Amino acid sequence: MATLRQKIVASKLVENGGNIGRAMISAGYAPATAKTPQKLTNSIGWQKLMDKFLPDKKLLQVHQELLDNPDWRARDSGLDKAYKIKGKLGNTQGEKETVSQEIREVIFRIRTILPDSQG
């Protein structure tokens, strides 16, 4: 079960532009702790909280819709943030990706069709 502070971080994500570190500081975590958000995102409580609000099934559904949608850029950006929030996609500093094989295949298909979506 998620702690109260983890729930506060989740609620602060929107006002902090999806930045977990800033949301952690807003929720009362020390700045030093906020520099390693994977400690939060890898916790069982956080994963359960994210499974409730960002279920993998929903994310995969949106990924599938991206394949057929000509206006895909904003959705692609939102999905990227959602995966990072859930701790399923490493950040640009080289965090280890923990994306399931199914999600990797969908991402590959999207990037094959839309090669400039890579960032």
C-alpha atoms as a PDB file:
ATOM      1  CA  MET A   1       0.000   0.000   0.000  1.00  0.00           C
ATOM      2  CA  ALA A   2       1.234   3.474  -0.860  1.00  0.00           C
ATOM      3  CA  THR A   3       2.278   5.779   1.952  1.00  0.00           C
ATOM      4  CA  LEU A   4       0.658   9.169   2.460  1.00  0.00           C
ATOM      5  CA  ARG A   5       3.791  10.886   1.173  1.00  0.00           C
ATOM      6  CA  GLN A   6       3.783   8.723  -1.972  1.00  0.00           C
ATOM      7  CA  LYS A   7       0.163   9.711  -2.586  1.00  0.00           C
ATOM      8  CA  ILE A   8       1.090  13.370  -2.151  1.00  0.00           C
ATOM      9  CA  VAL A   9       3.904  12.975  -4.711  1.00  0.00           C
ATOM     10  CA  ALA A  10       1.434  11.474  -7.172  1.00  0.00           C
ATOM     11  CA  SER A  11      -0.960  14.387  -6.633  1.00  0.00           C
ATOM     12  CA  LYS A  12       1.877  16.918  -7.145  1.00  0.00           C
ATOM     13  CA  LEU A  13       3.020  15.437 -10.453  1.00  0.00           C
ATOM     14  CA  VAL A  14       0.603  17.470 -12.561  1.00  0.00           C
ATOM     15  CA  GLU A  15       1.548  20.814 -11.026  1.00  0.00           C
ATOM     16  CA  ASN A  16       5.238  19.916 -11.412  1.00  0.00           C
ATOM     17  CA  GLY A  17       4.979  19.062 -15.103  1.00  0.00           C
ATOM     18  CA  GLY A  18       5.453  15.344 -14.508  1.00  0.00           C
ATOM     19  CA  ASN A  19       8.830  15.911 -12.845  1.00  0.00           C
ATOM     20  CA  ILE A  20       9.044  13.333 -10.069  1.00  0.00           C
ATOM     21  CA  GLY A  21      11.986  14.986  -8.311  1.00  0.00           C
ATOM     22  CA  ARG A  22      10.178  18.320  -7.993  1.00  0.00           C
ATOM     23  CA  ALA A  23       6.994  16.544  -6.907  1.00  0.00           C
ATOM     24  CA  MET A  24       8.983  14.690  -4.234  1.00  0.00           C
ATOM     25  CA  ILE A  25      10.392  17.959  -2.869  1.00  0.00           C
ATOM     26  CA  SER A  26       6.877  19.471  -2.874  1.00  0.00           C
ATOM     27  CA  ALA A  27       5.700  16.468  -0.864  1.00  0.00           C
ATOM     28  CA  GLY A  28       8.402  16.940   1.776  1.00  0.00           C
ATOM     29  CA  TYR A  29      11.181  14.619   0.599  1.00  0.00           C
ATOM     30  CA  ALA A  30      14.721  15.918   1.072  1.00  0.00           C
ATOM     31  CA  PRO A  31      16.343  17.329  -2.077  1.00  0.00           C
ATOM     32  CA  ALA A  32      19.053  14.653  -1.829  1.00  0.00           C
ATOM     33  CA  THR A  33      16.385  11.934  -1.872  1.00  0.00           C
ATOM     34  CA  ALA A  34      14.595  13.621  -4.778  1.00  0.00           C
ATOM     35  CA  LYS A  35      17.789  13.309  -6.859  1.00  0.00           C
ATOM     36  CA  THR A  36      17.243   9.546  -6.950  1.00  0.00           C
ATOM     37  CA  PRO A  37      13.512   9.226  -7.696  1.00  0.00           C
ATOM     38  CA  GLN A  38      13.934   5.578  -8.661  1.00  0.00           C
ATOM     39  CA  LYS A  39      13.991   4.822  -4.925  1.00  0.00           C
ATOM     40  CA  LEU A  40      10.376   5.982  -4.937  1.00  0.00           C
ATOM     41  CA  THR A  41       9.325   4.666  -8.344  1.00  0.00           C
ATOM     42  CA  ASN A  42      10.771   1.203  -7.672  1.00  0.00           C
ATOM     43  CA  SER A  43       8.941   0.833  -4.344  1.00  0.00           C
ATOM     44  CA  ILE A  44       6.044  -1.600  -4.079  1.00  0.00           C
ATOM     45  CA  GLY A  45       3.709   1.086  -2.719  1.00  0.00           C
ATOM     46  CA  TRP A  46       4.418   3.424  -5.653  1.00  0.00           C
ATOM     47  CA  GLN A  47       3.978   0.623  -8.175  1.00  0.00           C
ATOM     48  CA  LYS A  48       0.587  -0.284  -6.701  1.00  0.00           C
ATOM     49  CA  LEU A  49      -0.464   3.360  -6.735  1.00  0.00           C
ATOM     50  CA  MET A  50       0.598   3.754 -10.362  1.00  0.00           C
ATOM     51  CA  ASP A  51      -1.099   0.495 -11.349  1.00  0.00           C
ATOM     52  CA  LYS A  52      -4.311   1.988 -10.013  1.00  0.00           C
ATOM     53  CA  PHE A  53      -4.036   5.338 -11.824  1.00  0.00           C
ATOM     54  CA  LEU A  54      -1.874   4.438 -14.846  1.00  0.00           C
ATOM     55  CA  PRO A  55      -2.676   0.806 -15.618  1.00  0.00           C
ATOM     56  CA  ASP A  56      -0.428  -0.840 -18.210  1.00  0.00           C
ATOM     57  CA  LYS A  57      -3.480  -1.945 -20.168  1.00  0.00           C
ATOM     58  CA  LYS A  58      -4.535   1.698 -20.633  1.00  0.00           C
ATOM     59  CA  LEU A  59      -1.031   2.775 -21.673  1.00  0.00           C
ATOM     60  CA  LEU A  60      -0.825  -0.040 -24.216  1.00  0.00           C
ATOM     61  CA  GLN A  61      -4.237   0.933 -25.572  1.00  0.00           C
ATOM     62  CA  VAL A  62      -3.058   4.505 -26.145  1.00  0.00           C
ATOM     63  CA  HIS A  63       0.120   3.211 -27.773  1.00  0.00           C
ATOM     64  CA  GLN A  64      -1.986   1.159 -30.175  1.00  0.00           C
ATOM     65  CA  GLU A  65      -4.084   4.250 -30.954  1.00  0.00           C
ATOM     66  CA  LEU A  66      -0.904   6.204 -31.718  1.00  0.00           C
ATOM     67  CA  LEU A  67      -0.178   3.845 -34.572  1.00  0.00           C
ATOM     68  CA  ASP A  68      -3.325   5.006 -36.373  1.00  0.00           C
ATOM     69  CA  ASN A  69      -3.392   8.641 -35.272  1.00  0.00           C
ATOM     70  CA  PRO A  70      -1.889  11.377 -37.465  1.00  0.00           C
ATOM     71  CA  ASP A  71      -1.820  13.764 -34.455  1.00  0.00           C
ATOM     72  CA  TRP A  72       0.417  11.552 -32.315  1.00  0.00           C
ATOM     73  CA  ARG A  73       3.054  13.936 -30.891  1.00  0.00           C
ATOM     74  CA  ALA A  74       1.259  15.147 -27.756  1.00  0.00           C
ATOM     75  CA  ARG A  75       0.049  11.663 -26.891  1.00  0.00           C
ATOM     76  CA  ASP A  76       3.542  10.262 -27.418  1.00  0.00           C
ATOM     77  CA  SER A  77       4.953  12.836 -25.012  1.00  0.00           C
ATOM     78  CA  GLY A  78       2.264  12.048 -22.447  1.00  0.00           C
ATOM     79  CA  LEU A  79       2.921   8.327 -22.691  1.00  0.00           C
ATOM     80  CA  ASP A  80       6.633   8.890 -22.232  1.00  0.00           C
ATOM     81  CA  LYS A  81       5.925  10.770 -19.006  1.00  0.00           C
ATOM     82  CA  ALA A  82       3.494   8.113 -17.826  1.00  0.00           C
ATOM     83  CA  TYR A  83       6.050   5.337 -18.329  1.00  0.00           C
ATOM     84  CA  LYS A  84       8.721   7.366 -16.513  1.00  0.00           C
ATOM     85  CA  ILE A  85       6.337   8.098 -13.635  1.00  0.00           C
ATOM     86  CA  LYS A  86       5.632   4.391 -13.317  1.00  0.00           C
ATOM     87  CA  GLY A  87       9.375   3.663 -13.364  1.00  0.00           C
ATOM     88  CA  LYS A  88       9.024   1.579 -16.524  1.00  0.00           C
ATOM     89  CA  LEU A  89      11.226   3.724 -18.729  1.00  0.00           C
ATOM     90  CA  GLY A  90      14.675   4.979 -17.808  1.00  0.00           C
ATOM     91  CA  ASN A  91      15.493   8.666 -17.985  1.00  0.00           C
ATOM     92  CA  THR A  92      18.053  10.341 -20.234  1.00  0.00           C
ATOM     93  CA  GLN A  93      20.839   9.802 -17.670  1.00  0.00           C
ATOM     94  CA  GLY A  94      20.815   6.130 -18.581  1.00  0.00           C
ATOM     95  CA  GLU A  95      18.644   4.557 -15.912  1.00  0.00           C
ATOM     96  CA  LYS A  96      18.029   0.910 -16.626  1.00  0.00           C
ATOM     97  CA  GLU A  97      14.847   0.387 -18.613  1.00  0.00           C
ATOM     98  CA  THR A  98      12.377  -1.933 -16.981  1.00  0.00           C
ATOM     99  CA  VAL A  99       9.824  -1.910 -19.762  1.00  0.00           C
ATOM    100  CA  SER A 100       8.089  -5.229 -20.294  1.00  0.00           C
ATOM    101  CA  GLN A 101       8.683  -7.043 -23.575  1.00  0.00           C
ATOM    102  CA  GLU A 102       5.166  -6.262 -24.745  1.00  0.00           C
ATOM    103  CA  ILE A 103       5.671  -2.525 -24.223  1.00  0.00           C
ATOM    104  CA  ARG A 104       9.093  -2.680 -25.929  1.00  0.00           C
ATOM    105  CA  GLU A 105       7.473  -4.229 -28.992  1.00  0.00           C
ATOM    106  CA  VAL A 106       4.817  -1.522 -29.169  1.00  0.00           C
ATOM    107  CA  ILE A 107       7.422   1.220 -28.761  1.00  0.00           C
ATOM    108  CA  PHE A 108       9.523  -0.369 -31.524  1.00  0.00           C
ATOM    109  CA  ARG A 109       6.513  -0.477 -33.854  1.00  0.00           C
ATOM    110  CA  ILE A 110       5.685   3.165 -33.170  1.00  0.00           C
ATOM    111  CA  ARG A 111       9.240   4.324 -33.696  1.00  0.00           C
ATOM    112  CA  THR A 112       9.513   2.294 -36.901  1.00  0.00           C
ATOM    113  CA  ILE A 113       6.420   3.966 -38.295  1.00  0.00           C
ATOM    114  CA  LEU A 114       7.139   7.391 -36.784  1.00  0.00           C
ATOM    115  CA  PRO A 115      10.940   7.597 -36.671  1.00  0.00           C
ATOM    116  CA  ASP A 116      11.102  11.258 -35.581  1.00  0.00           C
ATOM    117  CA  SER A 117       9.129  10.402 -32.393  1.00  0.00           C
ATOM    118  CA  GLN A 118      12.369   9.290 -30.726  1.00  0.00           C
ATOM    119  CA  GLY A 119      12.919  12.579 -29.088  1.00  0.00           C
END
